PDB file of N, CA and C in Angstrom:
ATOM      1  N   MET A   1     -86.882-105.655 -73.095  1.00  0.00           N
ATOM      2  CA  MET A   1     -86.394-104.346 -73.485  1.00  0.00           C
ATOM      3  C   MET A   1     -84.885-104.416 -73.646  1.00  0.00           C
ATOM      4  N   GLN A   2     -84.378-103.833 -74.682  1.00  0.00           N
ATOM      5  CA  GLN A   2     -82.951-103.829 -74.923  1.00  0.00           C
ATOM      6  C   GLN A   2     -82.342-102.547 -74.375  1.00  0.00           C
ATOM      7  N   ASN A   3     -81.034-102.588 -74.214  1.00  0.00           N
ATOM      8  CA  ASN A   3     -80.347-101.443 -73.619  1.00  0.00           C
ATOM      9  C   ASN A   3     -80.462-100.171 -74.437  1.00  0.00           C
ATOM     10  N   ASN A   4     -80.565-100.280 -75.775  1.00  0.00           N
ATOM     11  CA  ASN A   4     -80.564 -99.075 -76.592  1.00  0.00           C
ATOM     12  C   ASN A   4     -81.949 -98.453 -76.724  1.00  0.00           C
ATOM     13  N   GLN A   5     -82.975 -99.095 -76.211  1.00  0.00           N
ATOM     14  CA  GLN A   5     -84.320 -98.540 -76.296  1.00  0.00           C
ATOM     15  C   GLN A   5     -84.539 -97.517 -75.192  1.00  0.00           C
ATOM     16  N   GLU A   6     -85.472 -96.632 -75.457  1.00  0.00           N
ATOM     17  CA  GLU A   6     -85.825 -95.641 -74.452  1.00  0.00           C
ATOM     18  C   GLU A   6     -87.150 -96.026 -73.812  1.00  0.00           C
ATOM     19  N   ILE A   7     -87.316 -95.616 -72.573  1.00  0.00           N
ATOM     20  CA  ILE A   7     -88.593 -95.799 -71.905  1.00  0.00           C
ATOM     21  C   ILE A   7     -89.247 -94.433 -71.796  1.00  0.00           C
ATOM     22  N   ARG A   8     -90.530 -94.443 -71.577  1.00  0.00           N
ATOM     23  CA  ARG A   8     -91.242 -93.177 -71.429  1.00  0.00           C
ATOM     24  C   ARG A   8     -91.497 -92.928 -69.952  1.00  0.00           C
ATOM     25  N   LEU A   9     -91.423 -91.666 -69.585  1.00  0.00           N
ATOM     26  CA  LEU A   9     -91.694 -91.230 -68.217  1.00  0.00           C
ATOM     27  C   LEU A   9     -92.885 -90.293 -68.233  1.00  0.00           C
ATOM     28  N   TRP A  10     -93.712 -90.416 -67.224  1.00  0.00           N
ATOM     29  CA  TRP A  10     -94.846 -89.517 -67.057  1.00  0.00           C
ATOM     30  C   TRP A  10     -94.558 -88.693 -65.815  1.00  0.00           C
ATOM     31  N   ALA A  11     -94.363 -87.403 -65.989  1.00  0.00           N
ATOM     32  CA  ALA A  11     -94.083 -86.495 -64.875  1.00  0.00           C
ATOM     33  C   ALA A  11     -95.326 -85.669 -64.587  1.00  0.00           C
ATOM     34  N   LYS A  12     -95.673 -85.547 -63.290  1.00  0.00           N
ATOM     35  CA  LYS A  12     -96.880 -84.828 -62.887  1.00  0.00           C
ATOM     36  C   LYS A  12     -96.557 -83.873 -61.751  1.00  0.00           C
ATOM     37  N   LEU A  13     -97.048 -82.651 -61.861  1.00  0.00           N
ATOM     38  CA  LEU A  13     -97.008 -81.703 -60.749  1.00  0.00           C
ATOM     39  C   LEU A  13     -98.383 -81.724 -60.108  1.00  0.00           C
ATOM     40  N   LYS A  14     -98.418 -81.888 -58.788  1.00  0.00           N
ATOM     41  CA  LYS A  14     -99.698 -81.977 -58.088  1.00  0.00           C
ATOM     42  C   LYS A  14     -99.832 -80.877 -57.045  1.00  0.00           C
ATOM     43  N   LYS A  15    -101.071 -80.424 -56.891  1.00  0.00           N
ATOM     44  CA  LYS A  15    -101.450 -79.522 -55.808  1.00  0.00           C
ATOM     45  C   LYS A  15    -102.675 -80.125 -55.154  1.00  0.00           C
ATOM     46  N   LYS A  16    -102.558 -80.472 -53.887  1.00  0.00           N
ATOM     47  CA  LYS A  16    -103.665 -81.072 -53.137  1.00  0.00           C
ATOM     48  C   LYS A  16    -104.273 -82.255 -53.886  1.00  0.00           C
ATOM     49  N   ASP A  17    -103.444 -83.188 -54.311  1.00  0.00           N
ATOM     50  CA  ASP A  17    -103.848 -84.432 -54.985  1.00  0.00           C
ATOM     51  C   ASP A  17    -104.519 -84.233 -56.333  1.00  0.00           C
ATOM     52  N   LYS A  18    -104.391 -83.064 -56.922  1.00  0.00           N
ATOM     53  CA  LYS A  18    -104.908 -82.831 -58.272  1.00  0.00           C
ATOM     54  C   LYS A  18    -103.726 -82.559 -59.194  1.00  0.00           C
ATOM     55  N   ILE A  19    -103.753 -83.167 -60.371  1.00  0.00           N
ATOM     56  CA  ILE A  19    -102.682 -82.938 -61.341  1.00  0.00           C
ATOM     57  C   ILE A  19    -102.868 -81.560 -61.959  1.00  0.00           C
ATOM     58  N   VAL A  20    -101.879 -80.701 -61.756  1.00  0.00           N
ATOM     59  CA  VAL A  20    -101.923 -79.342 -62.281  1.00  0.00           C
ATOM     60  C   VAL A  20    -101.273 -79.288 -63.659  1.00  0.00           C
ATOM     61  N   ARG A  21    -100.148 -79.961 -63.811  1.00  0.00           N
ATOM     62  CA  ARG A  21     -99.432 -80.027 -65.090  1.00  0.00           C
ATOM     63  C   ARG A  21     -98.824 -81.412 -65.217  1.00  0.00           C
ATOM     64  N   ASP A  22     -98.693 -81.874 -66.454  1.00  0.00           N
ATOM     65  CA  ASP A  22     -98.029 -83.147 -66.676  1.00  0.00           C
ATOM     66  C   ASP A  22     -97.362 -83.156 -68.040  1.00  0.00           C
ATOM     67  N   CYS A  23     -96.457 -84.085 -68.228  1.00  0.00           N
ATOM     68  CA  CYS A  23     -95.796 -84.263 -69.516  1.00  0.00           C
ATOM     69  C   CYS A  23     -95.278 -85.691 -69.605  1.00  0.00           C
ATOM     70  N   VAL A  24     -95.128 -86.168 -70.824  1.00  0.00           N
ATOM     71  CA  VAL A  24     -94.578 -87.494 -71.093  1.00  0.00           C
ATOM     72  C   VAL A  24     -93.372 -87.303 -71.999  1.00  0.00           C
ATOM     73  N   PHE A  25     -92.276 -87.955 -71.670  1.00  0.00           N
ATOM     74  CA  PHE A  25     -91.077 -87.849 -72.489  1.00  0.00           C
ATOM     75  C   PHE A  25     -90.284 -89.140 -72.396  1.00  0.00           C
ATOM     76  N   ALA A  26     -89.345 -89.315 -73.301  1.00  0.00           N
ATOM     77  CA  ALA A  26     -88.541 -90.536 -73.365  1.00  0.00           C
ATOM     78  C   ALA A  26     -87.130 -90.277 -72.867  1.00  0.00           C
ATOM     79  N   CYS A  27     -86.529 -91.322 -72.294  1.00  0.00           N
ATOM     80  CA  CYS A  27     -85.137 -91.252 -71.870  1.00  0.00           C
ATOM     81  C   CYS A  27     -84.588 -92.675 -71.779  1.00  0.00           C
ATOM     82  N   PRO A  28     -83.275 -92.838 -71.773  1.00  0.00           N
ATOM     83  CA  PRO A  28     -82.689 -94.169 -71.614  1.00  0.00           C
ATOM     84  C   PRO A  28     -83.043 -94.737 -70.237  1.00  0.00           C
ATOM     85  N   PRO A  29     -83.271 -96.045 -70.129  1.00  0.00           N
ATOM     86  CA  PRO A  29     -83.671 -96.643 -68.848  1.00  0.00           C
ATOM     87  C   PRO A  29     -82.689 -96.378 -67.718  1.00  0.00           C
ATOM     88  N   SER A  30     -81.410 -96.384 -68.014  1.00  0.00           N
ATOM     89  CA  SER A  30     -80.410 -96.194 -66.960  1.00  0.00           C
ATOM     90  C   SER A  30     -80.388 -94.770 -66.422  1.00  0.00           C
ATOM     91  N   GLN A  31     -81.032 -93.831 -67.126  1.00  0.00           N
ATOM     92  CA  GLN A  31     -81.006 -92.431 -66.710  1.00  0.00           C
ATOM     93  C   GLN A  31     -82.378 -91.917 -66.301  1.00  0.00           C
ATOM     94  N   ALA A  32     -83.300 -92.813 -65.978  1.00  0.00           N
ATOM     95  CA  ALA A  32     -84.670 -92.406 -65.658  1.00  0.00           C
ATOM     96  C   ALA A  32     -84.715 -91.449 -64.470  1.00  0.00           C
ATOM     97  N   LEU A  33     -83.895 -91.712 -63.471  1.00  0.00           N
ATOM     98  CA  LEU A  33     -83.954 -90.881 -62.267  1.00  0.00           C
ATOM     99  C   LEU A  33     -82.933 -89.749 -62.281  1.00  0.00           C
ATOM    100  N   SER A  34     -82.115 -89.659 -63.287  1.00  0.00           N
ATOM    101  CA  SER A  34     -81.172 -88.542 -63.358  1.00  0.00           C
ATOM    102  C   SER A  34     -81.574 -87.594 -64.486  1.00  0.00           C
ATOM    103  N   GLU A  35     -81.312 -87.990 -65.718  1.00  0.00           N
ATOM    104  CA  GLU A  35     -81.650 -87.133 -66.856  1.00  0.00           C
ATOM    105  C   GLU A  35     -83.158 -86.929 -66.983  1.00  0.00           C
ATOM    106  N   GLY A  36     -83.933 -87.970 -66.695  1.00  0.00           N
ATOM    107  CA  GLY A  36     -85.390 -87.853 -66.776  1.00  0.00           C
ATOM    108  C   GLY A  36     -85.933 -86.830 -65.795  1.00  0.00           C
ATOM    109  N   LEU A  37     -85.417 -86.848 -64.586  1.00  0.00           N
ATOM    110  CA  LEU A  37     -85.848 -85.894 -63.566  1.00  0.00           C
ATOM    111  C   LEU A  37     -85.443 -84.470 -63.947  1.00  0.00           C
ATOM    112  N   ILE A  38     -84.244 -84.311 -64.446  1.00  0.00           N
ATOM    113  CA  ILE A  38     -83.780 -82.981 -64.861  1.00  0.00           C
ATOM    114  C   ILE A  38     -84.637 -82.446 -66.002  1.00  0.00           C
ATOM    115  N   GLU A  39     -84.949 -83.308 -66.966  1.00  0.00           N
ATOM    116  CA  GLU A  39     -85.789 -82.896 -68.099  1.00  0.00           C
ATOM    117  C   GLU A  39     -87.180 -82.477 -67.627  1.00  0.00           C
ATOM    118  N   ALA A  40     -87.757 -83.228 -66.692  1.00  0.00           N
ATOM    119  CA  ALA A  40     -89.083 -82.886 -66.163  1.00  0.00           C
ATOM    120  C   ALA A  40     -89.049 -81.544 -65.436  1.00  0.00           C
ATOM    121  N   CYS A  41     -88.043 -81.338 -64.605  1.00  0.00           N
ATOM    122  CA  CYS A  41     -87.937 -80.078 -63.862  1.00  0.00           C
ATOM    123  C   CYS A  41     -87.715 -78.904 -64.803  1.00  0.00           C
ATOM    124  N   ARG A  42     -86.945 -79.115 -65.843  1.00  0.00           N
ATOM    125  CA  ARG A  42     -86.731 -78.061 -66.840  1.00  0.00           C
ATOM    126  C   ARG A  42     -88.052 -77.730 -67.540  1.00  0.00           C
ATOM    127  N   HIS A  43     -88.816 -78.762 -67.894  1.00  0.00           N
ATOM    128  CA  HIS A  43     -90.099 -78.553 -68.571  1.00  0.00           C
ATOM    129  C   HIS A  43     -91.077 -77.774 -67.681  1.00  0.00           C
ATOM    130  N   PHE A  44     -91.113 -78.115 -66.385  1.00  0.00           N
ATOM    131  CA  PHE A  44     -92.039 -77.464 -65.456  1.00  0.00           C
ATOM    132  C   PHE A  44     -91.484 -76.166 -64.878  1.00  0.00           C
ATOM    133  N   ASP A  45     -90.226 -75.854 -65.145  1.00  0.00           N
ATOM    134  CA  ASP A  45     -89.560 -74.666 -64.617  1.00  0.00           C
ATOM    135  C   ASP A  45     -89.563 -74.662 -63.088  1.00  0.00           C
ATOM    136  N   VAL A  46     -89.158 -75.792 -62.515  1.00  0.00           N
ATOM    137  CA  VAL A  46     -88.988 -75.906 -61.064  1.00  0.00           C
ATOM    138  C   VAL A  46     -87.563 -76.377 -60.800  1.00  0.00           C
ATOM    139  N   SER A  47     -87.105 -76.189 -59.570  1.00  0.00           N
ATOM    140  CA  SER A  47     -85.757 -76.636 -59.230  1.00  0.00           C
ATOM    141  C   SER A  47     -85.716 -78.164 -59.168  1.00  0.00           C
ATOM    142  N   VAL A  48     -84.530 -78.710 -59.303  1.00  0.00           N
ATOM    143  CA  VAL A  48     -84.350 -80.164 -59.261  1.00  0.00           C
ATOM    144  C   VAL A  48     -84.253 -80.593 -57.798  1.00  0.00           C
ATOM    145  N   PRO A  49     -85.041 -81.589 -57.380  1.00  0.00           N
ATOM    146  CA  PRO A  49     -84.999 -82.029 -55.984  1.00  0.00           C
ATOM    147  C   PRO A  49     -83.755 -82.866 -55.688  1.00  0.00           C
ATOM    148  N   VAL A  50     -83.495 -83.054 -54.417  1.00  0.00           N
ATOM    149  CA  VAL A  50     -82.404 -83.906 -53.969  1.00  0.00           C
ATOM    150  C   VAL A  50     -82.885 -85.357 -54.064  1.00  0.00           C
ATOM    151  N   VAL A  51     -82.120 -86.201 -54.742  1.00  0.00           N
ATOM    152  CA  VAL A  51     -82.486 -87.613 -54.903  1.00  0.00           C
ATOM    153  C   VAL A  51     -81.812 -88.412 -53.792  1.00  0.00           C
ATOM    154  N   LEU A  52     -82.621 -89.064 -52.980  1.00  0.00           N
ATOM    155  CA  LEU A  52     -82.133 -89.871 -51.866  1.00  0.00           C
ATOM    156  C   LEU A  52     -82.250 -91.356 -52.200  1.00  0.00           C
ATOM    157  N   GLY A  53     -81.685 -92.190 -51.358  1.00  0.00           N
ATOM    158  CA  GLY A  53     -81.785 -93.634 -51.540  1.00  0.00           C
ATOM    159  C   GLY A  53     -83.222 -94.109 -51.575  1.00  0.00           C
ATOM    160  N   LYS A  54     -84.082 -93.482 -50.794  1.00  0.00           N
ATOM    161  CA  LYS A  54     -85.500 -93.835 -50.771  1.00  0.00           C
ATOM    162  C   LYS A  54     -86.125 -93.650 -52.148  1.00  0.00           C
ATOM    163  N   HIS A  55     -85.767 -92.569 -52.823  1.00  0.00           N
ATOM    164  CA  HIS A  55     -86.315 -92.305 -54.152  1.00  0.00           C
ATOM    165  C   HIS A  55     -85.863 -93.371 -55.148  1.00  0.00           C
ATOM    166  N   MET A  56     -84.605 -93.774 -55.063  1.00  0.00           N
ATOM    167  CA  MET A  56     -84.100 -94.801 -55.970  1.00  0.00           C
ATOM    168  C   MET A  56     -84.778 -96.141 -55.700  1.00  0.00           C
ATOM    169  N   ARG A  57     -84.981 -96.481 -54.432  1.00  0.00           N
ATOM    170  CA  ARG A  57     -85.682 -97.733 -54.096  1.00  0.00           C
ATOM    171  C   ARG A  57     -87.124 -97.709 -54.578  1.00  0.00           C
ATOM    172  N   ASP A  58     -87.802 -96.575 -54.416  1.00  0.00           N
ATOM    173  CA  ASP A  58     -89.188 -96.464 -54.889  1.00  0.00           C
ATOM    174  C   ASP A  58     -89.270 -96.665 -56.398  1.00  0.00           C
ATOM    175  N   MET A  59     -88.324 -96.105 -57.136  1.00  0.00           N
ATOM    176  CA  MET A  59     -88.336 -96.260 -58.593  1.00  0.00           C
ATOM    177  C   MET A  59     -88.089 -97.716 -58.979  1.00  0.00           C
ATOM    178  N   GLU A  60     -87.177 -98.383 -58.281  1.00  0.00           N
ATOM    179  CA  GLU A  60     -86.884 -99.787 -58.577  1.00  0.00           C
ATOM    180  C   GLU A  60     -88.060-100.693 -58.235  1.00  0.00           C
ATOM    181  N   GLN A  61     -88.670-100.488 -57.076  1.00  0.00           N
ATOM    182  CA  GLN A  61     -89.733-101.375 -56.607  1.00  0.00           C
ATOM    183  C   GLN A  61     -91.090-101.063 -57.209  1.00  0.00           C
ATOM    184  N   PHE A  62     -91.446 -99.802 -57.290  1.00  0.00           N
ATOM    185  CA  PHE A  62     -92.806 -99.413 -57.673  1.00  0.00           C
ATOM    186  C   PHE A  62     -92.886 -98.736 -59.042  1.00  0.00           C
ATOM    187  N   HIS A  63     -91.730 -98.466 -59.661  1.00  0.00           N
ATOM    188  CA  HIS A  63     -91.670 -97.784 -60.961  1.00  0.00           C
ATOM    189  C   HIS A  63     -92.331 -96.412 -60.892  1.00  0.00           C
ATOM    190  N   MET A  64     -92.261 -95.799 -59.721  1.00  0.00           N
ATOM    191  CA  MET A  64     -92.817 -94.472 -59.491  1.00  0.00           C
ATOM    192  C   MET A  64     -92.081 -93.842 -58.315  1.00  0.00           C
ATOM    193  N   VAL A  65     -91.907 -92.547 -58.377  1.00  0.00           N
ATOM    194  CA  VAL A  65     -91.262 -91.843 -57.270  1.00  0.00           C
ATOM    195  C   VAL A  65     -91.970 -90.509 -57.068  1.00  0.00           C
ATOM    196  N   SER A  66     -92.096 -90.108 -55.810  1.00  0.00           N
ATOM    197  CA  SER A  66     -92.728 -88.833 -55.466  1.00  0.00           C
ATOM    198  C   SER A  66     -91.722 -87.955 -54.736  1.00  0.00           C
ATOM    199  N   PHE A  67     -91.680 -86.704 -55.135  1.00  0.00           N
ATOM    200  CA  PHE A  67     -90.844 -85.710 -54.467  1.00  0.00           C
ATOM    201  C   PHE A  67     -91.771 -84.677 -53.842  1.00  0.00           C
ATOM    202  N   PHE A  68     -91.529 -84.367 -52.579  1.00  0.00           N
ATOM    203  CA  PHE A  68     -92.358 -83.427 -51.835  1.00  0.00           C
ATOM    204  C   PHE A  68     -91.567 -82.142 -51.582  1.00  0.00           C
ATOM    205  N   PRO A  69     -92.221 -81.074 -51.121  1.00  0.00           N
ATOM    206  CA  PRO A  69     -91.501 -79.807 -50.901  1.00  0.00           C
ATOM    207  C   PRO A  69     -90.241 -79.950 -50.051  1.00  0.00           C
ATOM    208  N   ARG A  70     -90.235 -80.878 -49.108  1.00  0.00           N
ATOM    209  CA  ARG A  70     -89.055 -81.064 -48.249  1.00  0.00           C
ATOM    210  C   ARG A  70     -87.847 -81.615 -49.018  1.00  0.00           C
ATOM    211  N   ASP A  71     -88.076 -82.170 -50.221  1.00  0.00           N
ATOM    212  CA  ASP A  71     -86.994 -82.721 -51.035  1.00  0.00           C
ATOM    213  C   ASP A  71     -86.316 -81.669 -51.916  1.00  0.00           C
ATOM    214  N   PHE A  72     -86.840 -80.458 -51.919  1.00  0.00           N
ATOM    215  CA  PHE A  72     -86.304 -79.385 -52.749  1.00  0.00           C
ATOM    216  C   PHE A  72     -85.525 -78.405 -51.886  1.00  0.00           C
ATOM    217  N   VAL A  73     -84.393 -77.935 -52.392  1.00  0.00           N
ATOM    218  CA  VAL A  73     -83.600 -76.937 -51.677  1.00  0.00           C
ATOM    219  C   VAL A  73     -84.275 -75.576 -51.801  1.00  0.00           C
ATOM    220  N   GLU A  74     -84.739 -75.250 -53.015  1.00  0.00           N
ATOM    221  CA  GLU A  74     -85.446 -73.993 -53.242  1.00  0.00           C
ATOM    222  C   GLU A  74     -86.929 -74.186 -52.946  1.00  0.00           C
ATOM    223  N   SER A  75     -87.666 -73.084 -52.898  1.00  0.00           N
ATOM    224  CA  SER A  75     -89.100 -73.189 -52.616  1.00  0.00           C
ATOM    225  C   SER A  75     -89.798 -73.952 -53.736  1.00  0.00           C
ATOM    226  N   PHE A  76     -90.818 -74.709 -53.366  1.00  0.00           N
ATOM    227  CA  PHE A  76     -91.570 -75.551 -54.301  1.00  0.00           C
ATOM    228  C   PHE A  76     -93.041 -75.274 -54.052  1.00  0.00           C
ATOM    229  N   ALA A  77     -93.726 -74.708 -55.032  1.00  0.00           N
ATOM    230  CA  ALA A  77     -95.097 -74.221 -54.854  1.00  0.00           C
ATOM    231  C   ALA A  77     -96.164 -75.297 -55.027  1.00  0.00           C
ATOM    232  N   TYR A  78     -95.761 -76.549 -55.149  1.00  0.00           N
ATOM    233  CA  TYR A  78     -96.718 -77.629 -55.387  1.00  0.00           C
ATOM    234  C   TYR A  78     -96.684 -78.618 -54.233  1.00  0.00           C
ATOM    235  N   THR A  79     -97.654 -79.524 -54.211  1.00  0.00           N
ATOM    236  CA  THR A  79     -97.701 -80.551 -53.174  1.00  0.00           C
ATOM    237  C   THR A  79     -96.715 -81.667 -53.467  1.00  0.00           C
ATOM    238  N   ALA A  80     -96.569 -82.044 -54.749  1.00  0.00           N
ATOM    239  CA  ALA A  80     -95.667 -83.138 -55.110  1.00  0.00           C
ATOM    240  C   ALA A  80     -95.299 -83.086 -56.583  1.00  0.00           C
ATOM    241  N   LEU A  81     -94.149 -83.659 -56.877  1.00  0.00           N
ATOM    242  CA  LEU A  81     -93.717 -83.945 -58.241  1.00  0.00           C
ATOM    243  C   LEU A  81     -93.603 -85.458 -58.309  1.00  0.00           C
ATOM    244  N   GLU A  82     -94.380 -86.085 -59.182  1.00  0.00           N
ATOM    245  CA  GLU A  82     -94.352 -87.540 -59.328  1.00  0.00           C
ATOM    246  C   GLU A  82     -93.802 -87.909 -60.694  1.00  0.00           C
ATOM    247  N   ILE A  83     -92.979 -88.941 -60.701  1.00  0.00           N
ATOM    248  CA  ILE A  83     -92.441 -89.465 -61.960  1.00  0.00           C
ATOM    249  C   ILE A  83     -92.769 -90.955 -61.999  1.00  0.00           C
ATOM    250  N   SER A  84     -93.409 -91.396 -63.079  1.00  0.00           N
ATOM    251  CA  SER A  84     -93.785 -92.803 -63.253  1.00  0.00           C
ATOM    252  C   SER A  84     -93.215 -93.324 -64.562  1.00  0.00           C
ATOM    253  N   LEU A  85     -92.837 -94.596 -64.567  1.00  0.00           N
ATOM    254  CA  LEU A  85     -92.379 -95.235 -65.793  1.00  0.00           C
ATOM    255  C   LEU A  85     -93.582 -95.736 -66.577  1.00  0.00           C
ATOM    256  N   ILE A  86     -93.534 -95.586 -67.892  1.00  0.00           N
ATOM    257  CA  ILE A  86     -94.580 -96.112 -68.771  1.00  0.00           C
ATOM    258  C   ILE A  86     -93.923 -97.187 -69.625  1.00  0.00           C
ATOM    259  N   PHE A  87     -94.391 -98.416 -69.475  1.00  0.00           N
ATOM    260  CA  PHE A  87     -93.825 -99.530 -70.224  1.00  0.00           C
ATOM    261  C   PHE A  87     -94.610 -99.766 -71.502  1.00  0.00           C
ATOM    262  N   PRO A  88     -93.954-100.216 -72.562  1.00  0.00           N
ATOM    263  CA  PRO A  88     -94.672-100.556 -73.793  1.00  0.00           C
ATOM    264  C   PRO A  88     -95.667-101.679 -73.526  1.00  0.00           C
ATOM    265  N   LYS A  89     -96.745-101.721 -74.291  1.00  0.00           N
ATOM    266  CA  LYS A  89     -97.790-102.713 -74.064  1.00  0.00           C
ATOM    267  C   LYS A  89     -97.277-104.136 -74.144  1.00  0.00           C
ATOM    268  N   LYS A  90     -96.355-104.415 -75.046  1.00  0.00           N
ATOM    269  CA  LYS A  90     -95.878-105.781 -75.191  1.00  0.00           C
ATOM    270  C   LYS A  90     -95.134-106.275 -73.954  1.00  0.00           C
ATOM    271  N   GLU A  91     -94.681-105.366 -73.091  1.00  0.00           N
ATOM    272  CA  GLU A  91     -93.957-105.774 -71.895  1.00  0.00           C
ATOM    273  C   GLU A  91     -94.836-105.850 -70.657  1.00  0.00           C
ATOM    274  N   HIS A  92     -96.110-105.608 -70.803  1.00  0.00           N
ATOM    275  CA  HIS A  92     -96.995-105.763 -69.660  1.00  0.00           C
ATOM    276  C   HIS A  92     -97.115-107.245 -69.374  1.00  0.00           C
ATOM    277  N   SER A  93     -96.510-107.668 -68.338  1.00  0.00           N
ATOM    278  CA  SER A  93     -96.545-109.071 -67.952  1.00  0.00           C
ATOM    279  C   SER A  93     -96.759-109.135 -66.452  1.00  0.00           C
ATOM    280  N   GLU A  94     -96.596-110.313 -65.903  1.00  0.00           N
ATOM    281  CA  GLU A  94     -96.797-110.478 -64.467  1.00  0.00           C
ATOM    282  C   GLU A  94     -95.791-109.657 -63.665  1.00  0.00           C
ATOM    283  N   ARG A  95     -94.578-109.559 -64.176  1.00  0.00           N
ATOM    284  CA  ARG A  95     -93.541-108.823 -63.459  1.00  0.00           C
ATOM    285  C   ARG A  95     -92.868-107.845 -64.415  1.00  0.00           C
ATOM    286  N   LYS A  96     -92.811-106.599 -64.014  1.00  0.00           N
ATOM    287  CA  LYS A  96     -92.182-105.569 -64.841  1.00  0.00           C
ATOM    288  C   LYS A  96     -90.671-105.623 -64.636  1.00  0.00           C
ATOM    289  N   PRO A  97     -89.895-105.347 -65.675  1.00  0.00           N
ATOM    290  CA  PRO A  97     -88.438-105.394 -65.534  1.00  0.00           C
ATOM    291  C   PRO A  97     -87.927-104.241 -64.678  1.00  0.00           C
ATOM    292  N   ASN A  98     -86.815-104.483 -64.024  1.00  0.00           N
ATOM    293  CA  ASN A  98     -86.159-103.453 -63.234  1.00  0.00           C
ATOM    294  C   ASN A  98     -85.481-102.485 -64.201  1.00  0.00           C
ATOM    295  N   PRO A  99     -85.860-101.199 -64.207  1.00  0.00           N
ATOM    296  CA  PRO A  99     -85.295-100.257 -65.179  1.00  0.00           C
ATOM    297  C   PRO A  99     -83.807-100.005 -64.990  1.00  0.00           C
ATOM    298  N   PHE A 100     -83.272-100.260 -63.799  1.00  0.00           N
ATOM    299  CA  PHE A 100     -81.866 -99.987 -63.547  1.00  0.00           C
ATOM    300  C   PHE A 100     -80.965-101.159 -63.916  1.00  0.00           C
ATOM    301  N   SER A 101     -81.550-102.321 -64.223  1.00  0.00           N
ATOM    302  CA  SER A 101     -80.735-103.477 -64.587  1.00  0.00           C
ATOM    303  C   SER A 101     -80.724-103.706 -66.086  1.00  0.00           C
ATOM    304  N   LEU A 102     -81.306-102.776 -66.841  1.00  0.00           N
ATOM    305  CA  LEU A 102     -81.375-102.951 -68.299  1.00  0.00           C
ATOM    306  C   LEU A 102     -80.111-102.496 -68.970  1.00  0.00           C
TER     307      LEU A 102
END
């Protein structure tokens, strides 16, 4: 993947382990956890959660991050907000690239 390409993110709102709403959108790899998260929250009309070091490590290691009600300053009516990276098919290999080093 080159620096100028965008990756796709899959954002899901969950209630009791069921996906209530979801959306897929593109963003630059270096902004997956900043602009991507803001775009998802804007789409779902929920407040933006506080991003901690744990969230950044989860995105780097597992290419997925979960935000729970305790991560939001304002009230959050769902069980979780999950954001996952979607890689193009040609990049499915034994090891996925680190999105923050692109």
